[in-house]
Amino acid sequence: MNTLRKFRNLLSIFLLLGLVTSCDKDNDIDNPDSNPDTTPNYVLSLGITSNGTTAYYVVSTDSLMSGTISAKGNGIEQNGYYDYEQGNETVFCVGGLGLTDVKGLRYNNEGVLQEEGSYVFNKALKQFAQITPQEMLGVEIPDNPASGDSITFYMVDINSIAITKKVKTSILPLATVDWPSLTGLSFSENKVYLTYFPMNQDTWKTYVDTTYVAIFDYPAMTLNTIMKDTRTGPAGSWNAYNGIFQTESGDMYIMSNSAISNGFSSAGKNAAFLRIPRGATQFDNYYFDFETKSGGLKPAHIKYIGNGLVFAEVSTLNPQTAADRWMDKSLKCSIIDLNNQTIKDINEIPVHDGNGGRRFTAMIEGDKVYYPVSTSGGTYIYCIDSKTAKAVKGAKVSTTFVAGFFRLNQ
């Protein structure tokens, strides 16, 4: 079975997962819809699956805490598989599973969300993220050694949605153990940091004894060095692009979980966070042993909020077994404090299943987090106060899952 077919089968499994629970409203959090004059525009991509086929509908709304968000008579339909990233006031739709295009969506002068431009790449991009105020960086990597031996970097102008530069470099320094699977991208002091882990492309065996970070000098995109740390296993989760994130200080943190339910073939060292000082080419001595602090659990998906706080979905499976591989199930939500190395569970959000191998669809607005949670009772947006780790249940979303979630200001 080829990689594409495996990915399709896995995605189908992710979309069918569900758990029976419920949650009541907590009135400690103010309703963000109470002042409509200052409410920004929210953009969601709704993945709606019918008869084994998923269509995506990108919709906009001003209300996250009441009513129903639906694609009926609303939004832009997209056929095929898409993932989503934001650059300034543009939502980029990144094609996959046979699609190799990237589309840009933004509001026009009349306040209507529409497609403003697109570009077709040679292969589906493995990474796509904003690195400067004007520029996105795309990373194209062959699926296996037979498909090529070069990484291709694309610089994309956010305003024009046009490729301004293309650079190729050898992939072989990253493939000394097995073929690299990319898990995250960050930019600091004219350096691009790529997290990855080795994976056998025939057996899908993963290596879980080392953290790898490849550093490239920008804009030449020549390899500077490969950082390694054996305190933890690989950075990030399979296809979730959550291996590295940056804080306000410019310091970068690595999340390592070696979670079988998020794609690894075996569990390695304890789930933990490491730190790379701003612009540095080595780790410092920071080590947050999440697995010990949580009583043996692993973070599955994360989103940096600010002030050292991280919103996370945490697997409640303990231990994780081979039967749980790629299942991304039984998740609770928590607030992680990187500075104090503490974890607070968000009790108002029910245990649920995740969306599998894709970007985390949590949307950050100040110290609030908005996150759509799907259970057998439907999909509802929860508003989380990161300071108190309390949540309120808001609008219903008529969808199978939410594939993207952003705020755009007109």
Protein backbone atom coordinates (compact mmCIF):
# COMPACT_ATOMS: atom_id res chain seq x y z
CA MET A 1 0.00 0.00 0.00
CA ASN A 2 1.50 3.34 -0.94
CA THR A 3 1.81 6.31 1.42
CA LEU A 4 -1.08 8.21 -0.15
CA ARG A 5 -3.47 5.30 0.26
CA LYS A 6 -2.36 4.80 3.88
CA PHE A 7 -2.95 8.48 4.61
CA ARG A 8 -6.44 8.31 3.10
CA ASN A 9 -7.33 5.25 5.16
CA LEU A 10 -6.00 6.84 8.34
CA LEU A 11 -7.89 10.06 7.70
CA SER A 12 -11.12 8.11 7.28
CA ILE A 13 -10.52 6.48 10.68
CA PHE A 14 -9.93 9.86 12.33
CA LEU A 15 -13.18 11.29 10.99
CA LEU A 16 -15.30 8.41 12.29
CA LEU A 17 -14.11 8.60 15.89
CA GLY A 18 -16.51 9.96 18.56
CA LEU A 19 -17.15 9.80 22.31
CA VAL A 20 -20.37 10.25 24.32
CA THR A 21 -20.07 13.10 26.83
CA SER A 22 -21.57 16.49 27.56
CA CYS A 23 -20.66 19.82 29.08
CA ASP A 24 -22.58 22.64 30.76
CA LYS A 25 -22.00 26.38 30.49
CA ASP A 26 -19.79 28.12 33.07
CA ASN A 27 -20.81 31.75 33.56
CA ASP A 28 -17.35 32.82 34.84
CA ILE A 29 -16.33 33.81 31.29
CA ASP A 30 -17.88 36.85 29.65
CA ASN A 31 -19.73 36.25 26.42
CA PRO A 32 -17.45 37.59 23.62
CA ASP A 33 -20.53 38.27 21.47
CA SER A 34 -21.88 40.88 23.90
CA ASN A 35 -20.25 43.79 22.04
CA PRO A 36 -20.98 43.29 18.33
CA ASP A 37 -19.40 46.62 17.34
CA THR A 38 -15.94 45.28 18.22
CA THR A 39 -16.41 41.65 17.30
CA PRO A 40 -13.85 40.65 14.63
CA ASN A 41 -14.63 38.35 11.75
CA TYR A 42 -13.99 34.66 12.32
CA VAL A 43 -13.24 32.24 9.51
CA LEU A 44 -13.76 28.49 9.83
CA SER A 45 -13.23 25.65 7.38
CA LEU A 46 -15.91 23.00 7.86
CA GLY A 47 -15.00 19.50 6.78
CA ILE A 48 -18.26 17.72 5.94
CA THR A 49 -18.05 14.02 5.17
CA SER A 50 -20.77 12.14 3.31
CA ASN A 51 -20.54 8.63 1.85
CA GLY A 52 -16.79 8.54 2.49
CA THR A 53 -16.08 11.81 0.67
CA THR A 54 -15.15 15.05 2.45
CA ALA A 55 -15.84 18.52 1.07
CA TYR A 56 -14.56 21.69 2.71
CA TYR A 57 -16.59 24.87 3.14
CA VAL A 58 -14.82 28.02 4.29
CA VAL A 59 -17.35 30.19 6.13
CA SER A 60 -17.25 33.43 8.12
CA THR A 61 -19.18 34.37 11.24
CA ASP A 62 -19.36 37.09 13.87
CA SER A 63 -20.81 34.83 16.54
CA LEU A 64 -18.83 32.10 18.29
CA MET A 65 -20.89 31.70 21.45
CA SER A 66 -24.49 31.47 20.29
CA GLY A 67 -26.57 30.03 17.47
CA THR A 68 -25.37 27.63 14.79
CA ILE A 69 -22.49 28.03 12.34
CA SER A 70 -23.36 26.32 9.08
CA ALA A 71 -22.19 26.07 5.48
CA LYS A 72 -25.76 26.24 4.19
CA GLY A 73 -25.94 29.23 1.85
CA ASN A 74 -22.66 30.45 3.29
CA GLY A 75 -19.02 30.24 2.33
CA ILE A 76 -16.67 28.90 -0.31
CA GLU A 77 -16.75 25.22 -1.29
CA GLN A 78 -13.45 23.40 -1.79
CA ASN A 79 -13.25 19.86 -3.15
CA GLY A 80 -10.33 17.67 -2.14
CA TYR A 81 -8.12 17.70 0.96
CA TYR A 82 -6.99 21.03 2.44
CA ASP A 83 -5.17 22.17 5.56
CA TYR A 84 -4.99 25.81 6.63
CA GLU A 85 -2.47 28.43 7.79
CA GLN A 86 -2.81 32.17 8.39
CA GLY A 87 -0.50 34.91 7.15
CA ASN A 88 -1.50 38.43 8.21
CA GLU A 89 -5.07 38.93 6.95
CA THR A 90 -4.96 35.99 4.53
CA VAL A 91 -6.01 32.39 5.12
CA PHE A 92 -3.89 30.02 3.04
CA CYS A 93 -5.51 26.75 1.95
CA VAL A 94 -2.77 24.15 1.56
CA GLY A 95 -3.65 21.20 -0.66
CA GLY A 96 -2.76 17.58 0.10
CA LEU A 97 -3.70 14.01 -0.79
CA GLY A 98 -3.07 14.60 -4.48
CA LEU A 99 -3.66 18.38 -4.45
CA THR A 100 -0.50 20.49 -4.74
CA ASP A 101 -1.99 23.98 -4.80
CA VAL A 102 -2.05 26.74 -2.22
CA LYS A 103 -4.94 29.24 -2.33
CA GLY A 104 -5.25 32.56 -0.53
CA LEU A 105 -8.55 33.74 0.93
CA ARG A 106 -9.16 37.24 2.28
CA TYR A 107 -11.87 39.87 2.60
CA ASN A 108 -12.33 42.22 -0.33
CA ASN A 109 -13.18 45.93 -0.01
CA GLU A 110 -16.88 45.06 0.36
CA GLY A 111 -16.19 42.75 3.28
CA VAL A 112 -16.79 39.55 1.30
CA LEU A 113 -14.47 36.60 1.84
CA GLN A 114 -13.11 35.47 -1.51
CA GLU A 115 -10.17 33.76 -3.22
CA GLU A 116 -7.48 36.30 -4.09
CA GLY A 117 -4.84 34.08 -5.68
CA SER A 118 -3.35 30.60 -5.90
CA TYR A 119 -0.24 28.74 -6.93
CA VAL A 120 0.37 25.11 -7.88
CA PHE A 121 3.54 23.49 -6.52
CA ASN A 122 5.32 20.43 -7.89
CA LYS A 123 4.37 18.41 -4.80
CA ALA A 124 2.14 19.00 -1.81
CA LEU A 125 3.94 21.17 0.74
CA LYS A 126 5.00 19.51 3.99
CA GLN A 127 5.37 22.83 5.81
CA PHE A 128 3.86 26.26 5.20
CA ALA A 129 4.15 29.03 7.77
CA GLN A 130 4.67 32.76 8.14
CA ILE A 131 8.29 33.69 8.89
CA THR A 132 8.40 37.49 8.34
CA PRO A 133 5.74 40.23 8.27
CA GLN A 134 5.59 39.90 4.47
CA GLU A 135 6.51 36.30 3.75
CA MET A 136 5.40 32.70 4.07
CA LEU A 137 7.84 29.80 3.75
CA GLY A 138 6.82 26.55 2.06
CA VAL A 139 8.81 23.34 2.31
CA GLU A 140 8.57 20.56 -0.26
CA ILE A 141 10.21 17.24 0.52
CA PRO A 142 10.06 13.94 -1.43
CA ASP A 143 7.89 11.21 0.08
CA ASN A 144 10.71 8.67 -0.05
CA PRO A 145 14.27 8.21 -1.41
CA ALA A 146 12.94 7.03 -4.78
CA SER A 147 11.15 10.36 -5.25
CA GLY A 148 14.24 12.54 -5.00
CA ASP A 149 17.00 13.73 -2.70
CA SER A 150 16.36 17.47 -2.40
CA ILE A 151 14.38 19.75 -0.10
CA THR A 152 12.81 22.69 -1.93
CA PHE A 153 12.10 25.93 -0.08
CA TYR A 154 9.60 28.44 -1.48
CA MET A 155 9.36 32.04 -0.31
CA VAL A 156 5.80 33.28 -0.91
CA ASP A 157 4.78 36.95 -0.75
CA ILE A 158 1.68 37.20 1.44
CA ASN A 159 0.18 40.20 -0.31
CA SER A 160 0.52 38.97 -3.89
CA ILE A 161 0.37 35.22 -3.07
CA ALA A 162 3.27 34.75 -5.49
CA ILE A 163 6.51 32.78 -5.20
CA THR A 164 9.40 35.22 -4.92
CA LYS A 165 12.24 32.72 -4.48
CA LYS A 166 12.87 28.99 -4.81
CA VAL A 167 15.88 27.21 -3.27
CA LYS A 168 16.90 23.55 -3.42
CA THR A 169 19.22 21.83 -0.96
CA SER A 170 20.18 18.24 -0.24
CA ILE A 171 17.96 16.21 2.04
CA LEU A 172 20.69 13.65 2.76
CA PRO A 173 22.13 15.28 5.93
CA LEU A 174 18.68 14.80 7.48
CA ALA A 175 18.42 11.17 6.34
CA THR A 176 21.32 9.58 8.18
CA VAL A 177 19.03 7.19 10.14
CA ASP A 178 15.94 6.96 7.93
CA TRP A 179 13.77 9.24 5.82
CA PRO A 180 12.82 12.48 7.64
CA SER A 181 9.20 13.28 8.48
CA LEU A 182 8.79 17.01 9.15
CA THR A 183 6.89 18.12 12.26
CA GLY A 184 7.36 21.86 12.66
CA LEU A 185 8.93 25.15 11.53
CA SER A 186 10.08 28.29 13.31
CA PHE A 187 12.09 31.37 12.31
CA SER A 188 14.54 33.24 14.54
CA GLU A 189 17.47 35.59 13.88
CA ASN A 190 17.62 34.77 10.15
CA LYS A 191 17.55 31.05 10.80
CA VAL A 192 14.85 28.53 9.88
CA TYR A 193 14.38 25.72 12.42
CA LEU A 194 12.83 22.49 11.09
CA THR A 195 11.87 19.71 13.49
CA TYR A 196 11.66 16.18 12.13
CA PHE A 197 11.92 12.52 13.03
CA PRO A 198 13.22 9.51 11.06
CA MET A 199 10.56 7.14 9.72
CA ASN A 200 10.96 4.03 7.60
CA GLN A 201 8.86 4.68 4.48
CA ASP A 202 8.14 0.98 3.91
CA THR A 203 7.28 -0.21 7.42
CA TRP A 204 6.39 3.16 9.01
CA LYS A 205 8.68 2.31 11.92
CA THR A 206 9.75 5.42 13.82
CA TYR A 207 12.87 6.14 15.85
CA VAL A 208 12.09 7.60 19.24
CA ASP A 209 15.38 8.05 21.09
CA THR A 210 16.48 11.53 19.89
CA THR A 211 15.16 15.02 19.20
CA TYR A 212 16.25 16.39 15.80
CA VAL A 213 16.21 20.02 14.67
CA ALA A 214 17.72 21.08 11.32
CA ILE A 215 18.76 24.74 11.11
CA PHE A 216 19.03 26.56 7.76
CA ASP A 217 20.48 30.03 7.23
CA TYR A 218 17.95 32.42 5.69
CA PRO A 219 17.62 33.52 2.89
CA ALA A 220 20.26 31.30 1.27
CA MET A 221 18.65 28.24 2.95
CA THR A 222 21.99 26.49 3.34
CA LEU A 223 22.22 23.95 6.16
CA ASN A 224 23.79 25.48 9.27
CA THR A 225 23.70 22.51 11.62
CA ILE A 226 21.56 19.65 12.91
CA MET A 227 20.77 19.85 16.61
CA LYS A 228 20.26 16.63 18.57
CA ASP A 229 19.18 16.00 22.14
CA THR A 230 18.77 12.60 23.78
CA ARG A 231 16.85 13.83 26.85
CA THR A 232 13.70 13.40 24.78
CA GLY A 233 12.41 11.60 21.72
CA PRO A 234 11.27 13.22 18.46
CA ALA A 235 9.77 16.69 18.37
CA GLY A 236 6.09 16.92 17.49
CA SER A 237 3.46 14.52 16.20
CA TRP A 238 3.00 12.93 12.80
CA ASN A 239 1.58 15.40 10.26
CA ALA A 240 0.40 17.82 12.98
CA TYR A 241 3.22 20.41 12.59
CA ASN A 242 3.47 21.01 16.34
CA GLY A 243 7.13 20.18 17.03
CA ILE A 244 8.36 23.73 17.67
CA PHE A 245 6.83 27.07 18.66
CA GLN A 246 8.11 30.50 19.62
CA THR A 247 7.31 32.72 22.60
CA GLU A 248 7.28 36.52 22.92
CA SER A 249 10.96 36.55 23.92
CA GLY A 250 11.97 34.80 20.72
CA ASP A 251 12.90 31.63 22.60
CA MET A 252 11.64 28.42 20.98
CA TYR A 253 10.22 25.37 22.71
CA ILE A 254 10.20 21.78 21.52
CA MET A 255 7.28 19.50 22.38
CA SER A 256 8.15 15.79 22.36
CA ASN A 257 5.54 13.13 23.09
CA SER A 258 6.53 9.88 21.29
CA ALA A 259 2.82 9.08 21.46
CA ILE A 260 1.74 5.90 19.69
CA SER A 261 -1.76 7.36 19.21
CA ASN A 262 -0.17 10.25 17.27
CA GLY A 263 1.82 8.15 14.81
CA PHE A 264 4.86 6.66 16.53
CA SER A 265 5.46 2.93 16.30
CA SER A 266 6.67 2.72 19.90
CA ALA A 267 6.83 4.93 22.98
CA GLY A 268 10.26 6.36 23.67
CA LYS A 269 11.42 8.67 26.40
CA ASN A 270 9.08 10.68 28.59
CA ALA A 271 6.93 13.33 26.94
CA ALA A 272 8.65 16.64 27.68
CA PHE A 273 9.43 20.20 26.61
CA LEU A 274 12.90 21.51 25.73
CA ARG A 275 14.00 25.09 24.96
CA ILE A 276 16.20 26.74 22.34
CA PRO A 277 17.23 30.33 23.22
CA ARG A 278 16.49 32.96 20.59
CA GLY A 279 18.68 32.43 17.52
CA ALA A 280 20.76 29.74 19.25
CA THR A 281 22.07 26.54 17.66
CA GLN A 282 21.91 24.43 20.81
CA PHE A 283 19.42 23.62 23.56
CA ASP A 284 19.78 25.14 27.02
CA ASN A 285 19.26 23.18 30.25
CA TYR A 286 15.47 23.71 30.41
CA TYR A 287 13.60 20.41 30.77
CA PHE A 288 9.92 20.07 31.63
CA ASP A 289 9.05 16.40 32.19
CA PHE A 290 5.36 16.59 31.27
CA GLU A 291 4.82 12.85 31.53
CA THR A 292 5.98 12.67 35.15
CA LYS A 293 4.02 15.79 36.16
CA SER A 294 0.82 14.46 34.53
CA GLY A 295 1.03 10.97 35.99
CA GLY A 296 2.08 9.20 32.80
CA LEU A 297 0.11 11.12 30.15
CA LYS A 298 1.24 12.64 26.84
CA PRO A 299 0.21 15.89 25.09
CA ALA A 300 -1.25 15.20 21.65
CA HIS A 301 -1.85 18.69 20.19
CA ILE A 302 -0.68 22.09 21.41
CA LYS A 303 -1.14 25.81 20.68
CA TYR A 304 0.89 28.59 22.27
CA ILE A 305 -1.32 31.25 23.90
CA GLY A 306 1.14 33.73 25.40
CA ASN A 307 2.86 34.53 28.71
CA GLY A 308 4.27 31.01 28.84
CA LEU A 309 0.85 29.32 28.62
CA VAL A 310 0.00 26.54 26.18
CA PHE A 311 -3.42 25.12 25.30
CA ALA A 312 -3.23 21.35 24.84
CA GLU A 313 -5.20 18.23 24.12
CA VAL A 314 -3.76 15.50 26.30
CA SER A 315 -4.21 11.78 25.75
CA THR A 316 -5.86 10.03 28.70
CA LEU A 317 -4.66 6.64 27.46
CA ASN A 318 -2.17 5.20 29.94
CA PRO A 319 -0.44 3.22 28.67
CA GLN A 320 -0.80 3.58 24.90
CA THR A 321 -0.63 0.28 23.02
CA ALA A 322 0.06 -0.76 19.44
CA ALA A 323 -3.71 -0.93 18.83
CA ASP A 324 -3.91 2.82 19.55
CA ARG A 325 -1.52 3.85 16.75
CA TRP A 326 -2.82 6.90 14.83
CA MET A 327 -6.16 6.69 16.66
CA ASP A 328 -5.82 10.11 18.37
CA LYS A 329 -8.60 9.35 20.83
CA SER A 330 -9.75 9.95 24.43
CA LEU A 331 -8.34 13.47 24.78
CA LYS A 332 -8.86 15.97 27.57
CA CYS A 333 -8.01 19.69 27.39
CA SER A 334 -5.47 21.37 29.65
CA ILE A 335 -3.53 24.60 30.17
CA ILE A 336 0.22 24.04 30.43
CA ASP A 337 2.40 26.64 32.17
CA LEU A 338 5.92 26.43 30.74
CA ASN A 339 7.37 28.87 33.28
CA ASN A 340 6.05 27.18 36.41
CA GLN A 341 5.94 23.69 34.84
CA THR A 342 2.36 23.05 35.90
CA ILE A 343 -0.73 21.53 34.23
CA LYS A 344 -4.38 22.54 34.81
CA ASP A 345 -7.19 20.45 33.36
CA ILE A 346 -10.19 22.21 31.80
CA ASN A 347 -13.00 20.25 33.42
CA GLU A 348 -15.86 21.86 31.46
CA ILE A 349 -14.69 20.32 28.16
CA PRO A 350 -15.62 16.66 27.73
CA VAL A 351 -13.12 13.95 26.87
CA HIS A 352 -13.26 13.57 23.10
CA ASP A 353 -11.41 12.28 20.05
CA GLY A 354 -9.10 14.39 17.93
CA ASN A 355 -8.92 15.09 14.21
CA GLY A 356 -5.86 12.93 13.62
CA GLY A 357 -2.88 14.04 11.60
CA ARG A 358 -3.60 17.69 10.85
CA ARG A 359 -2.96 21.16 12.26
CA PHE A 360 -4.58 22.01 15.60
CA THR A 361 -7.69 24.16 15.05
CA ALA A 362 -7.56 26.14 18.28
CA MET A 363 -7.93 29.92 17.75
CA ILE A 364 -6.20 32.33 20.13
CA GLU A 365 -7.67 35.77 20.91
CA GLY A 366 -5.80 37.54 23.70
CA ASP A 367 -5.86 35.30 26.76
CA LYS A 368 -8.89 33.40 25.45
CA VAL A 369 -8.83 30.20 23.41
CA TYR A 370 -11.71 29.12 21.17
CA TYR A 371 -11.78 25.47 20.29
CA PRO A 372 -14.39 23.32 18.47
CA VAL A 373 -14.93 19.98 20.18
CA SER A 374 -16.75 17.10 18.46
CA THR A 375 -18.58 14.36 20.35
CA SER A 376 -21.56 12.14 19.48
CA GLY A 377 -23.74 15.08 20.54
CA GLY A 378 -22.33 17.33 17.83
CA THR A 379 -19.59 19.93 17.44
CA TYR A 380 -19.55 22.94 19.75
CA ILE A 381 -17.11 25.80 20.20
CA TYR A 382 -15.73 26.26 23.70
CA CYS A 383 -14.29 29.53 24.98
CA ILE A 384 -11.44 28.92 27.44
CA ASP A 385 -9.99 31.47 29.84
CA SER A 386 -6.30 30.57 29.90
CA LYS A 387 -5.75 32.28 33.27
CA THR A 388 -8.38 30.25 35.12
CA ALA A 389 -8.53 27.12 32.92
CA LYS A 390 -12.34 27.50 32.84
CA ALA A 391 -14.47 27.02 29.73
CA VAL A 392 -17.89 28.01 28.40
CA LYS A 393 -19.81 26.06 25.76
CA GLY A 394 -20.80 28.26 22.82
CA ALA A 395 -22.10 27.99 19.27
CA LYS A 396 -22.93 24.73 17.57
CA VAL A 397 -21.10 23.99 14.31
CA SER A 398 -22.89 21.92 11.66
CA THR A 399 -19.94 19.90 10.43
CA THR A 400 -18.12 16.59 10.69
CA PHE A 401 -14.98 18.39 11.90
CA VAL A 402 -13.40 21.84 11.80
CA ALA A 403 -10.29 21.92 9.61
CA GLY A 404 -9.28 25.55 10.13
CA PHE A 405 -10.19 28.37 12.52
CA PHE A 406 -8.93 31.98 12.31
CA ARG A 407 -9.72 35.60 13.06
CA LEU A 408 -9.44 38.15 10.26
CA ASN A 409 -9.99 41.90 10.70
CA GLN A 410 -11.56 43.63 7.73
